[in-house]
Structure formats: C-alpha cells, structure tokens
mmCIF file of all heavy atoms, coordinates in Angstrom:
data_MODEL
# 
_entry.id   MODEL 
# 
loop_
_atom_site.group_PDB 
_atom_site.id 
_atom_site.type_symbol 
_atom_site.label_atom_id 
_atom_site.label_alt_id 
_atom_site.label_comp_id 
_atom_site.label_asym_id 
_atom_site.label_entity_id 
_atom_site.label_seq_id 
_atom_site.pdbx_PDB_ins_code 
_atom_site.Cartn_x 
_atom_site.Cartn_y 
_atom_site.Cartn_z 
_atom_site.occupancy 
_atom_site.B_iso_or_equiv 
_atom_site.pdbx_formal_charge 
_atom_site.auth_seq_id 
_atom_site.auth_comp_id 
_atom_site.auth_asym_id 
_atom_site.auth_atom_id 
_atom_site.pdbx_PDB_model_num 
ATOM 1   N N   . THR A 1 1  ? -61.162 18.579 20.396 1.00 0.00 ? 1  THR A N   1 
ATOM 2   C CA  . THR A 1 1  ? -60.407 19.631 19.745 1.00 0.00 ? 1  THR A CA  1 
ATOM 3   C C   . THR A 1 1  ? -60.842 21.050 20.276 1.00 0.00 ? 1  THR A C   1 
ATOM 4   O O   . THR A 1 1  ? -62.031 21.401 20.293 1.00 0.00 ? 1  THR A O   1 
ATOM 5   C CB  . THR A 1 1  ? -60.654 19.643 18.208 1.00 0.00 ? 1  THR A CB  1 
ATOM 6   O OG1 . THR A 1 1  ? -60.244 18.354 17.741 1.00 0.00 ? 1  THR A OG1 1 
ATOM 7   C CG2 . THR A 1 1  ? -59.802 20.683 17.593 1.00 0.00 ? 1  THR A CG2 1 
ATOM 8   N N   . GLY A 1 2  ? -59.881 21.837 20.716 1.00 0.00 ? 2  GLY A N   1 
ATOM 9   C CA  . GLY A 1 2  ? -60.159 23.149 21.251 1.00 0.00 ? 2  GLY A CA  1 
ATOM 10  C C   . GLY A 1 2  ? -59.251 24.239 20.596 1.00 0.00 ? 2  GLY A C   1 
ATOM 11  O O   . GLY A 1 2  ? -58.574 23.985 19.602 1.00 0.00 ? 2  GLY A O   1 
ATOM 12  N N   . GLY A 1 3  ? -59.240 25.347 21.234 1.00 0.00 ? 3  GLY A N   1 
ATOM 13  C CA  . GLY A 1 3  ? -58.499 26.462 20.718 1.00 0.00 ? 3  GLY A CA  1 
ATOM 14  C C   . GLY A 1 3  ? -56.993 26.242 20.602 1.00 0.00 ? 3  GLY A C   1 
ATOM 15  O O   . GLY A 1 3  ? -56.378 26.657 19.634 1.00 0.00 ? 3  GLY A O   1 
ATOM 16  N N   . GLU A 1 4  ? -56.431 25.489 21.558 1.00 0.00 ? 4  GLU A N   1 
ATOM 17  C CA  . GLU A 1 4  ? -55.000 25.309 21.520 1.00 0.00 ? 4  GLU A CA  1 
ATOM 18  C C   . GLU A 1 4  ? -54.675 24.371 20.314 1.00 0.00 ? 4  GLU A C   1 
ATOM 19  O O   . GLU A 1 4  ? -53.634 24.626 19.641 1.00 0.00 ? 4  GLU A O   1 
ATOM 20  C CB  . GLU A 1 4  ? -54.519 24.626 22.817 1.00 0.00 ? 4  GLU A CB  1 
ATOM 21  C CG  . GLU A 1 4  ? -53.043 24.458 22.883 1.00 0.00 ? 4  GLU A CG  1 
ATOM 22  C CD  . GLU A 1 4  ? -52.552 23.928 24.252 1.00 0.00 ? 4  GLU A CD  1 
ATOM 23  O OE1 . GLU A 1 4  ? -53.362 23.784 25.159 1.00 0.00 ? 4  GLU A OE1 1 
ATOM 24  O OE2 . GLU A 1 4  ? -51.326 23.737 24.325 1.00 0.00 ? 4  GLU A OE2 1 
ATOM 25  N N   . ASP A 1 5  ? -55.470 23.327 20.120 1.00 0.00 ? 5  ASP A N   1 
ATOM 26  C CA  . ASP A 1 5  ? -55.185 22.453 18.999 1.00 0.00 ? 5  ASP A CA  1 
ATOM 27  C C   . ASP A 1 5  ? -55.267 23.240 17.661 1.00 0.00 ? 5  ASP A C   1 
ATOM 28  O O   . ASP A 1 5  ? -54.486 23.047 16.712 1.00 0.00 ? 5  ASP A O   1 
ATOM 29  C CB  . ASP A 1 5  ? -56.221 21.333 18.901 1.00 0.00 ? 5  ASP A CB  1 
ATOM 30  C CG  . ASP A 1 5  ? -56.046 20.329 20.074 1.00 0.00 ? 5  ASP A CG  1 
ATOM 31  O OD1 . ASP A 1 5  ? -54.969 20.249 20.630 1.00 0.00 ? 5  ASP A OD1 1 
ATOM 32  O OD2 . ASP A 1 5  ? -57.024 19.647 20.483 1.00 0.00 ? 5  ASP A OD2 1 
ATOM 33  N N   . LEU A 1 6  ? -56.291 24.079 17.527 1.00 0.00 ? 6  LEU A N   1 
ATOM 34  C CA  . LEU A 1 6  ? -56.408 24.874 16.287 1.00 0.00 ? 6  LEU A CA  1 
ATOM 35  C C   . LEU A 1 6  ? -55.259 25.876 16.121 1.00 0.00 ? 6  LEU A C   1 
ATOM 36  O O   . LEU A 1 6  ? -54.805 26.102 15.014 1.00 0.00 ? 6  LEU A O   1 
ATOM 37  C CB  . LEU A 1 6  ? -57.746 25.678 16.339 1.00 0.00 ? 6  LEU A CB  1 
ATOM 38  C CG  . LEU A 1 6  ? -59.020 24.853 16.288 1.00 0.00 ? 6  LEU A CG  1 
ATOM 39  C CD1 . LEU A 1 6  ? -60.240 25.681 16.487 1.00 0.00 ? 6  LEU A CD1 1 
ATOM 40  C CD2 . LEU A 1 6  ? -59.143 24.068 14.930 1.00 0.00 ? 6  LEU A CD2 1 
ATOM 41  N N   . ARG A 1 7  ? -54.725 26.362 17.221 1.00 0.00 ? 7  ARG A N   1 
ATOM 42  C CA  . ARG A 1 7  ? -53.632 27.282 17.163 1.00 0.00 ? 7  ARG A CA  1 
ATOM 43  C C   . ARG A 1 7  ? -52.386 26.558 16.637 1.00 0.00 ? 7  ARG A C   1 
ATOM 44  O O   . ARG A 1 7  ? -51.577 27.093 15.923 1.00 0.00 ? 7  ARG A O   1 
ATOM 45  C CB  . ARG A 1 7  ? -53.317 27.831 18.555 1.00 0.00 ? 7  ARG A CB  1 
ATOM 46  C CG  . ARG A 1 7  ? -52.229 28.929 18.526 1.00 0.00 ? 7  ARG A CG  1 
ATOM 47  C CD  . ARG A 1 7  ? -51.921 29.424 19.869 1.00 0.00 ? 7  ARG A CD  1 
ATOM 48  N NE  . ARG A 1 7  ? -50.985 30.561 19.856 1.00 0.00 ? 7  ARG A NE  1 
ATOM 49  C CZ  . ARG A 1 7  ? -50.373 30.972 20.920 1.00 0.00 ? 7  ARG A CZ  1 
ATOM 50  N NH1 . ARG A 1 7  ? -50.575 30.506 22.082 1.00 0.00 ? 7  ARG A NH1 1 
ATOM 51  N NH2 . ARG A 1 7  ? -49.569 32.036 20.848 1.00 0.00 ? 7  ARG A NH2 1 
ATOM 52  N N   . VAL A 1 8  ? -52.216 25.248 17.079 1.00 0.00 ? 8  VAL A N   1 
ATOM 53  C CA  . VAL A 1 8  ? -51.061 24.456 16.634 1.00 0.00 ? 8  VAL A CA  1 
ATOM 54  C C   . VAL A 1 8  ? -51.107 24.285 15.067 1.00 0.00 ? 8  VAL A C   1 
ATOM 55  O O   . VAL A 1 8  ? -50.132 24.520 14.421 1.00 0.00 ? 8  VAL A O   1 
ATOM 56  C CB  . VAL A 1 8  ? -51.053 23.099 17.297 1.00 0.00 ? 8  VAL A CB  1 
ATOM 57  C CG1 . VAL A 1 8  ? -49.999 22.152 16.691 1.00 0.00 ? 8  VAL A CG1 1 
ATOM 58  C CG2 . VAL A 1 8  ? -50.816 23.269 18.800 1.00 0.00 ? 8  VAL A CG2 1 
ATOM 59  N N   . ILE A 1 9  ? -52.312 23.904 14.629 1.00 0.00 ? 9  ILE A N   1 
ATOM 60  C CA  . ILE A 1 9  ? -52.515 23.662 13.155 1.00 0.00 ? 9  ILE A CA  1 
ATOM 61  C C   . ILE A 1 9  ? -52.224 24.952 12.391 1.00 0.00 ? 9  ILE A C   1 
ATOM 62  O O   . ILE A 1 9  ? -51.559 24.977 11.350 1.00 0.00 ? 9  ILE A O   1 
ATOM 63  C CB  . ILE A 1 9  ? -53.920 23.204 12.942 1.00 0.00 ? 9  ILE A CB  1 
ATOM 64  C CG1 . ILE A 1 9  ? -54.076 21.811 13.624 1.00 0.00 ? 9  ILE A CG1 1 
ATOM 65  C CG2 . ILE A 1 9  ? -54.199 23.107 11.441 1.00 0.00 ? 9  ILE A CG2 1 
ATOM 66  C CD1 . ILE A 1 9  ? -55.569 21.305 13.561 1.00 0.00 ? 9  ILE A CD1 1 
ATOM 67  N N   . LYS A 1 10 ? -52.724 26.066 12.882 1.00 0.00 ? 10 LYS A N   1 
ATOM 68  C CA  . LYS A 1 10 ? -52.599 27.343 12.243 1.00 0.00 ? 10 LYS A CA  1 
ATOM 69  C C   . LYS A 1 10 ? -51.150 27.837 12.273 1.00 0.00 ? 10 LYS A C   1 
ATOM 70  O O   . LYS A 1 10 ? -50.609 28.377 11.302 1.00 0.00 ? 10 LYS A O   1 
ATOM 71  C CB  . LYS A 1 10 ? -53.475 28.409 12.881 1.00 0.00 ? 10 LYS A CB  1 
ATOM 72  C CG  . LYS A 1 10 ? -53.708 29.637 12.011 1.00 0.00 ? 10 LYS A CG  1 
ATOM 73  C CD  . LYS A 1 10 ? -54.390 29.295 10.719 1.00 0.00 ? 10 LYS A CD  1 
ATOM 74  C CE  . LYS A 1 10 ? -54.578 30.447 9.814  1.00 0.00 ? 10 LYS A CE  1 
ATOM 75  N NZ  . LYS A 1 10 ? -55.209 30.110 8.532  1.00 0.00 ? 10 LYS A NZ  1 
ATOM 76  N N   . THR A 1 11 ? -50.486 27.652 13.378 1.00 0.00 ? 11 THR A N   1 
ATOM 77  C CA  . THR A 1 11 ? -49.041 28.054 13.500 1.00 0.00 ? 11 THR A CA  1 
ATOM 78  C C   . THR A 1 11 ? -48.212 27.330 12.516 1.00 0.00 ? 11 THR A C   1 
ATOM 79  O O   . THR A 1 11 ? -47.356 27.895 11.810 1.00 0.00 ? 11 THR A O   1 
ATOM 80  C CB  . THR A 1 11 ? -48.564 27.792 14.969 1.00 0.00 ? 11 THR A CB  1 
ATOM 81  O OG1 . THR A 1 11 ? -49.275 28.566 15.862 1.00 0.00 ? 11 THR A OG1 1 
ATOM 82  C CG2 . THR A 1 11 ? -47.066 28.140 15.057 1.00 0.00 ? 11 THR A CG2 1 
ATOM 83  N N   . SER A 1 12 ? -48.476 26.018 12.389 1.00 0.00 ? 12 SER A N   1 
ATOM 84  C CA  . SER A 1 12 ? -47.744 25.216 11.379 1.00 0.00 ? 12 SER A CA  1 
ATOM 85  C C   . SER A 1 12 ? -48.004 25.655 10.007 1.00 0.00 ? 12 SER A C   1 
ATOM 86  O O   . SER A 1 12 ? -47.042 25.818 9.203  1.00 0.00 ? 12 SER A O   1 
ATOM 87  C CB  . SER A 1 12 ? -48.160 23.720 11.537 1.00 0.00 ? 12 SER A CB  1 
ATOM 88  O OG  . SER A 1 12 ? -47.525 22.895 10.577 1.00 0.00 ? 12 SER A OG  1 
ATOM 89  N N   . GLU A 1 13 ? -49.252 26.019 9.730  1.00 0.00 ? 13 GLU A N   1 
ATOM 90  C CA  . GLU A 1 13 ? -49.610 26.527 8.389  1.00 0.00 ? 13 GLU A CA  1 
ATOM 91  C C   . GLU A 1 13 ? -48.955 27.841 8.054  1.00 0.00 ? 13 GLU A C   1 
ATOM 92  O O   . GLU A 1 13 ? -48.378 28.022 6.968  1.00 0.00 ? 13 GLU A O   1 
ATOM 93  C CB  . GLU A 1 13 ? -51.135 26.678 8.339  1.00 0.00 ? 13 GLU A CB  1 
ATOM 94  C CG  . GLU A 1 13 ? -51.687 27.167 7.039  1.00 0.00 ? 13 GLU A CG  1 
ATOM 95  C CD  . GLU A 1 13 ? -53.170 27.382 7.038  1.00 0.00 ? 13 GLU A CD  1 
ATOM 96  O OE1 . GLU A 1 13 ? -53.888 26.498 7.620  1.00 0.00 ? 13 GLU A OE1 1 
ATOM 97  O OE2 . GLU A 1 13 ? -53.676 28.444 6.578  1.00 0.00 ? 13 GLU A OE2 1 
ATOM 98  N N   . ILE A 1 14 ? -48.882 28.726 9.055  1.00 0.00 ? 14 ILE A N   1 
ATOM 99  C CA  . ILE A 1 14 ? -48.299 30.020 8.856  1.00 0.00 ? 14 ILE A CA  1 
ATOM 100 C C   . ILE A 1 14 ? -46.782 29.915 8.588  1.00 0.00 ? 14 ILE A C   1 
ATOM 101 O O   . ILE A 1 14 ? -46.241 30.613 7.691  1.00 0.00 ? 14 ILE A O   1 
ATOM 102 C CB  . ILE A 1 14 ? -48.541 30.941 10.066 1.00 0.00 ? 14 ILE A CB  1 
ATOM 103 C CG1 . ILE A 1 14 ? -50.042 31.343 10.131 1.00 0.00 ? 14 ILE A CG1 1 
ATOM 104 C CG2 . ILE A 1 14 ? -47.682 32.243 10.020 1.00 0.00 ? 14 ILE A CG2 1 
ATOM 105 C CD1 . ILE A 1 14 ? -50.456 32.083 11.416 1.00 0.00 ? 14 ILE A CD1 1 
ATOM 106 N N   . LEU A 1 15 ? -46.170 29.060 9.402  1.00 0.00 ? 15 LEU A N   1 
ATOM 107 C CA  . LEU A 1 15 ? -44.671 28.906 9.198  1.00 0.00 ? 15 LEU A CA  1 
ATOM 108 C C   . LEU A 1 15 ? -44.332 28.281 7.845  1.00 0.00 ? 15 LEU A C   1 
ATOM 109 O O   . LEU A 1 15 ? -43.429 28.714 7.191  1.00 0.00 ? 15 LEU A O   1 
ATOM 110 C CB  . LEU A 1 15 ? -44.214 27.929 10.328 1.00 0.00 ? 15 LEU A CB  1 
ATOM 111 C CG  . LEU A 1 15 ? -44.174 28.502 11.771 1.00 0.00 ? 15 LEU A CG  1 
ATOM 112 C CD1 . LEU A 1 15 ? -43.797 27.437 12.793 1.00 0.00 ? 15 LEU A CD1 1 
ATOM 113 C CD2 . LEU A 1 15 ? -43.153 29.690 11.818 1.00 0.00 ? 15 LEU A CD2 1 
ATOM 114 N N   . ARG A 1 16 ? -45.195 27.352 7.397  1.00 0.00 ? 16 ARG A N   1 
ATOM 115 C CA  . ARG A 1 16 ? -44.932 26.717 6.068  1.00 0.00 ? 16 ARG A CA  1 
ATOM 116 C C   . ARG A 1 16 ? -45.127 27.801 4.987  1.00 0.00 ? 16 ARG A C   1 
ATOM 117 O O   . ARG A 1 16 ? -44.390 27.827 3.998  1.00 0.00 ? 16 ARG A O   1 
ATOM 118 C CB  . ARG A 1 16 ? -45.880 25.530 5.828  1.00 0.00 ? 16 ARG A CB  1 
ATOM 119 C CG  . ARG A 1 16 ? -45.418 24.288 6.639  1.00 0.00 ? 16 ARG A CG  1 
ATOM 120 C CD  . ARG A 1 16 ? -46.183 23.061 6.113  1.00 0.00 ? 16 ARG A CD  1 
ATOM 121 N NE  . ARG A 1 16 ? -45.690 21.810 6.714  1.00 0.00 ? 16 ARG A NE  1 
ATOM 122 C CZ  . ARG A 1 16 ? -46.170 21.228 7.735  1.00 0.00 ? 16 ARG A CZ  1 
ATOM 123 N NH1 . ARG A 1 16 ? -47.271 21.650 8.311  1.00 0.00 ? 16 ARG A NH1 1 
ATOM 124 N NH2 . ARG A 1 16 ? -45.616 20.116 8.178  1.00 0.00 ? 16 ARG A NH2 1 
ATOM 125 N N   . ASP A 1 17 ? -46.229 28.595 5.099  1.00 0.00 ? 17 ASP A N   1 
ATOM 126 C CA  . ASP A 1 17 ? -46.515 29.608 4.145  1.00 0.00 ? 17 ASP A CA  1 
ATOM 127 C C   . ASP A 1 17 ? -45.362 30.663 4.113  1.00 0.00 ? 17 ASP A C   1 
ATOM 128 O O   . ASP A 1 17 ? -45.232 31.354 3.093  1.00 0.00 ? 17 ASP A O   1 
ATOM 129 C CB  . ASP A 1 17 ? -47.855 30.297 4.489  1.00 0.00 ? 17 ASP A CB  1 
ATOM 130 C CG  . ASP A 1 17 ? -49.071 29.404 4.164  1.00 0.00 ? 17 ASP A CG  1 
ATOM 131 O OD1 . ASP A 1 17 ? -48.822 28.361 3.539  1.00 0.00 ? 17 ASP A OD1 1 
ATOM 132 O OD2 . ASP A 1 17 ? -50.148 29.738 4.642  1.00 0.00 ? 17 ASP A OD2 1 
ATOM 133 N N   . SER A 1 18 ? -44.618 30.768 5.225  1.00 0.00 ? 18 SER A N   1 
ATOM 134 C CA  . SER A 1 18 ? -43.550 31.721 5.293  1.00 0.00 ? 18 SER A CA  1 
ATOM 135 C C   . SER A 1 18 ? -42.245 31.149 4.771  1.00 0.00 ? 18 SER A C   1 
ATOM 136 O O   . SER A 1 18 ? -41.153 31.769 4.841  1.00 0.00 ? 18 SER A O   1 
ATOM 137 C CB  . SER A 1 18 ? -43.342 32.213 6.678  1.00 0.00 ? 18 SER A CB  1 
ATOM 138 O OG  . SER A 1 18 ? -44.568 32.846 7.181  1.00 0.00 ? 18 SER A OG  1 
ATOM 139 N N   . GLY A 1 19 ? -42.240 29.916 4.295  1.00 0.00 ? 19 GLY A N   1 
ATOM 140 C CA  . GLY A 1 19 ? -41.120 29.328 3.631  1.00 0.00 ? 19 GLY A CA  1 
ATOM 141 C C   . GLY A 1 19 ? -40.223 28.446 4.594  1.00 0.00 ? 19 GLY A C   1 
ATOM 142 O O   . GLY A 1 19 ? -39.219 27.940 4.251  1.00 0.00 ? 19 GLY A O   1 
ATOM 143 N N   . HIS A 1 20 ? -40.735 28.219 5.834  1.00 0.00 ? 20 HIS A N   1 
ATOM 144 C CA  . HIS A 1 20 ? -40.001 27.333 6.728  1.00 0.00 ? 20 HIS A CA  1 
ATOM 145 C C   . HIS A 1 20 ? -40.389 25.878 6.535  1.00 0.00 ? 20 HIS A C   1 
ATOM 146 O O   . HIS A 1 20 ? -41.458 25.554 6.082  1.00 0.00 ? 20 HIS A O   1 
ATOM 147 C CB  . HIS A 1 20 ? -40.291 27.753 8.191  1.00 0.00 ? 20 HIS A CB  1 
ATOM 148 C CG  . HIS A 1 20 ? -39.927 29.192 8.492  1.00 0.00 ? 20 HIS A CG  1 
ATOM 149 N ND1 . HIS A 1 20 ? -38.614 29.632 8.553  1.00 0.00 ? 20 HIS A ND1 1 
ATOM 150 C CD2 . HIS A 1 20 ? -40.654 30.306 8.783  1.00 0.00 ? 20 HIS A CD2 1 
ATOM 151 C CE1 . HIS A 1 20 ? -38.580 30.913 8.839  1.00 0.00 ? 20 HIS A CE1 1 
ATOM 152 N NE2 . HIS A 1 20 ? -39.796 31.319 8.972  1.00 0.00 ? 20 HIS A NE2 1 
ATOM 153 N N   . THR A 1 21 ? -39.475 25.014 6.934  1.00 0.00 ? 21 THR A N   1 
ATOM 154 C CA  . THR A 1 21 ? -39.770 23.558 6.932  1.00 0.00 ? 21 THR A CA  1 
ATOM 155 C C   . THR A 1 21 ? -40.237 23.197 8.318  1.00 0.00 ? 21 THR A C   1 
ATOM 156 O O   . THR A 1 21 ? -39.563 23.445 9.361  1.00 0.00 ? 21 THR A O   1 
ATOM 157 C CB  . THR A 1 21 ? -38.482 22.783 6.604  1.00 0.00 ? 21 THR A CB  1 
ATOM 158 O OG1 . THR A 1 21 ? -38.044 23.176 5.296  1.00 0.00 ? 21 THR A OG1 1 
ATOM 159 C CG2 . THR A 1 21 ? -38.789 21.267 6.653  1.00 0.00 ? 21 THR A CG2 1 
ATOM 160 N N   . VAL A 1 22 ? -41.396 22.541 8.386  1.00 0.00 ? 22 VAL A N   1 
ATOM 161 C CA  . VAL A 1 22 ? -41.991 22.173 9.683  1.00 0.00 ? 22 VAL A CA  1 
ATOM 162 C C   . VAL A 1 22 ? -41.953 20.654 9.896  1.00 0.00 ? 22 VAL A C   1 
ATOM 163 O O   . VAL A 1 22 ? -42.412 19.924 8.986  1.00 0.00 ? 22 VAL A O   1 
ATOM 164 C CB  . VAL A 1 22 ? -43.426 22.683 9.826  1.00 0.00 ? 22 VAL A CB  1 
ATOM 165 C CG1 . VAL A 1 22 ? -44.091 22.214 11.102 1.00 0.00 ? 22 VAL A CG1 1 
ATOM 166 C CG2 . VAL A 1 22 ? -43.494 24.206 9.757  1.00 0.00 ? 22 VAL A CG2 1 
ATOM 167 N N   . VAL A 1 23 ? -41.384 20.241 10.944 1.00 0.00 ? 23 VAL A N   1 
ATOM 168 C CA  . VAL A 1 23 ? -41.376 18.781 11.317 1.00 0.00 ? 23 VAL A CA  1 
ATOM 169 C C   . VAL A 1 23 ? -42.362 18.647 12.513 1.00 0.00 ? 23 VAL A C   1 
ATOM 170 O O   . VAL A 1 23 ? -42.265 19.445 13.449 1.00 0.00 ? 23 VAL A O   1 
ATOM 171 C CB  . VAL A 1 23 ? -39.945 18.296 11.737 1.00 0.00 ? 23 VAL A CB  1 
ATOM 172 C CG1 . VAL A 1 23 ? -39.985 16.836 12.135 1.00 0.00 ? 23 VAL A CG1 1 
ATOM 173 C CG2 . VAL A 1 23 ? -38.982 18.607 10.591 1.00 0.00 ? 23 VAL A CG2 1 
ATOM 174 N N   . GLU A 1 24 ? -43.173 17.646 12.444 1.00 0.00 ? 24 GLU A N   1 
ATOM 175 C CA  . GLU A 1 24 ? -44.243 17.497 13.508 1.00 0.00 ? 24 GLU A CA  1 
ATOM 176 C C   . GLU A 1 24 ? -43.939 16.251 14.364 1.00 0.00 ? 24 GLU A C   1 
ATOM 177 O O   . GLU A 1 24 ? -43.673 15.200 13.829 1.00 0.00 ? 24 GLU A O   1 
ATOM 178 C CB  . GLU A 1 24 ? -45.623 17.309 12.821 1.00 0.00 ? 24 GLU A CB  1 
ATOM 179 C CG  . GLU A 1 24 ? -46.029 18.572 11.976 1.00 0.00 ? 24 GLU A CG  1 
ATOM 180 C CD  . GLU A 1 24 ? -47.191 18.312 11.129 1.00 0.00 ? 24 GLU A CD  1 
ATOM 181 O OE1 . GLU A 1 24 ? -47.615 17.124 10.967 1.00 0.00 ? 24 GLU A OE1 1 
ATOM 182 O OE2 . GLU A 1 24 ? -47.818 19.269 10.598 1.00 0.00 ? 24 GLU A OE2 1 
# 
C-alpha cells in the first residue's frame, strides 16, 4: 500500500461525503 492507494480511498470518501454515489 502506497500513496496512490491511499489517495483512491480518500477520493472515494470525499465523494461520498459530498453526497455522490460511488461504485467501486
């Protein structure tokens, strides 16, 4: 696990917190 993986997780989290539906 590196910076890119953490960025993916964080991006998904930010989008969900902003009210978007995220499909993985």
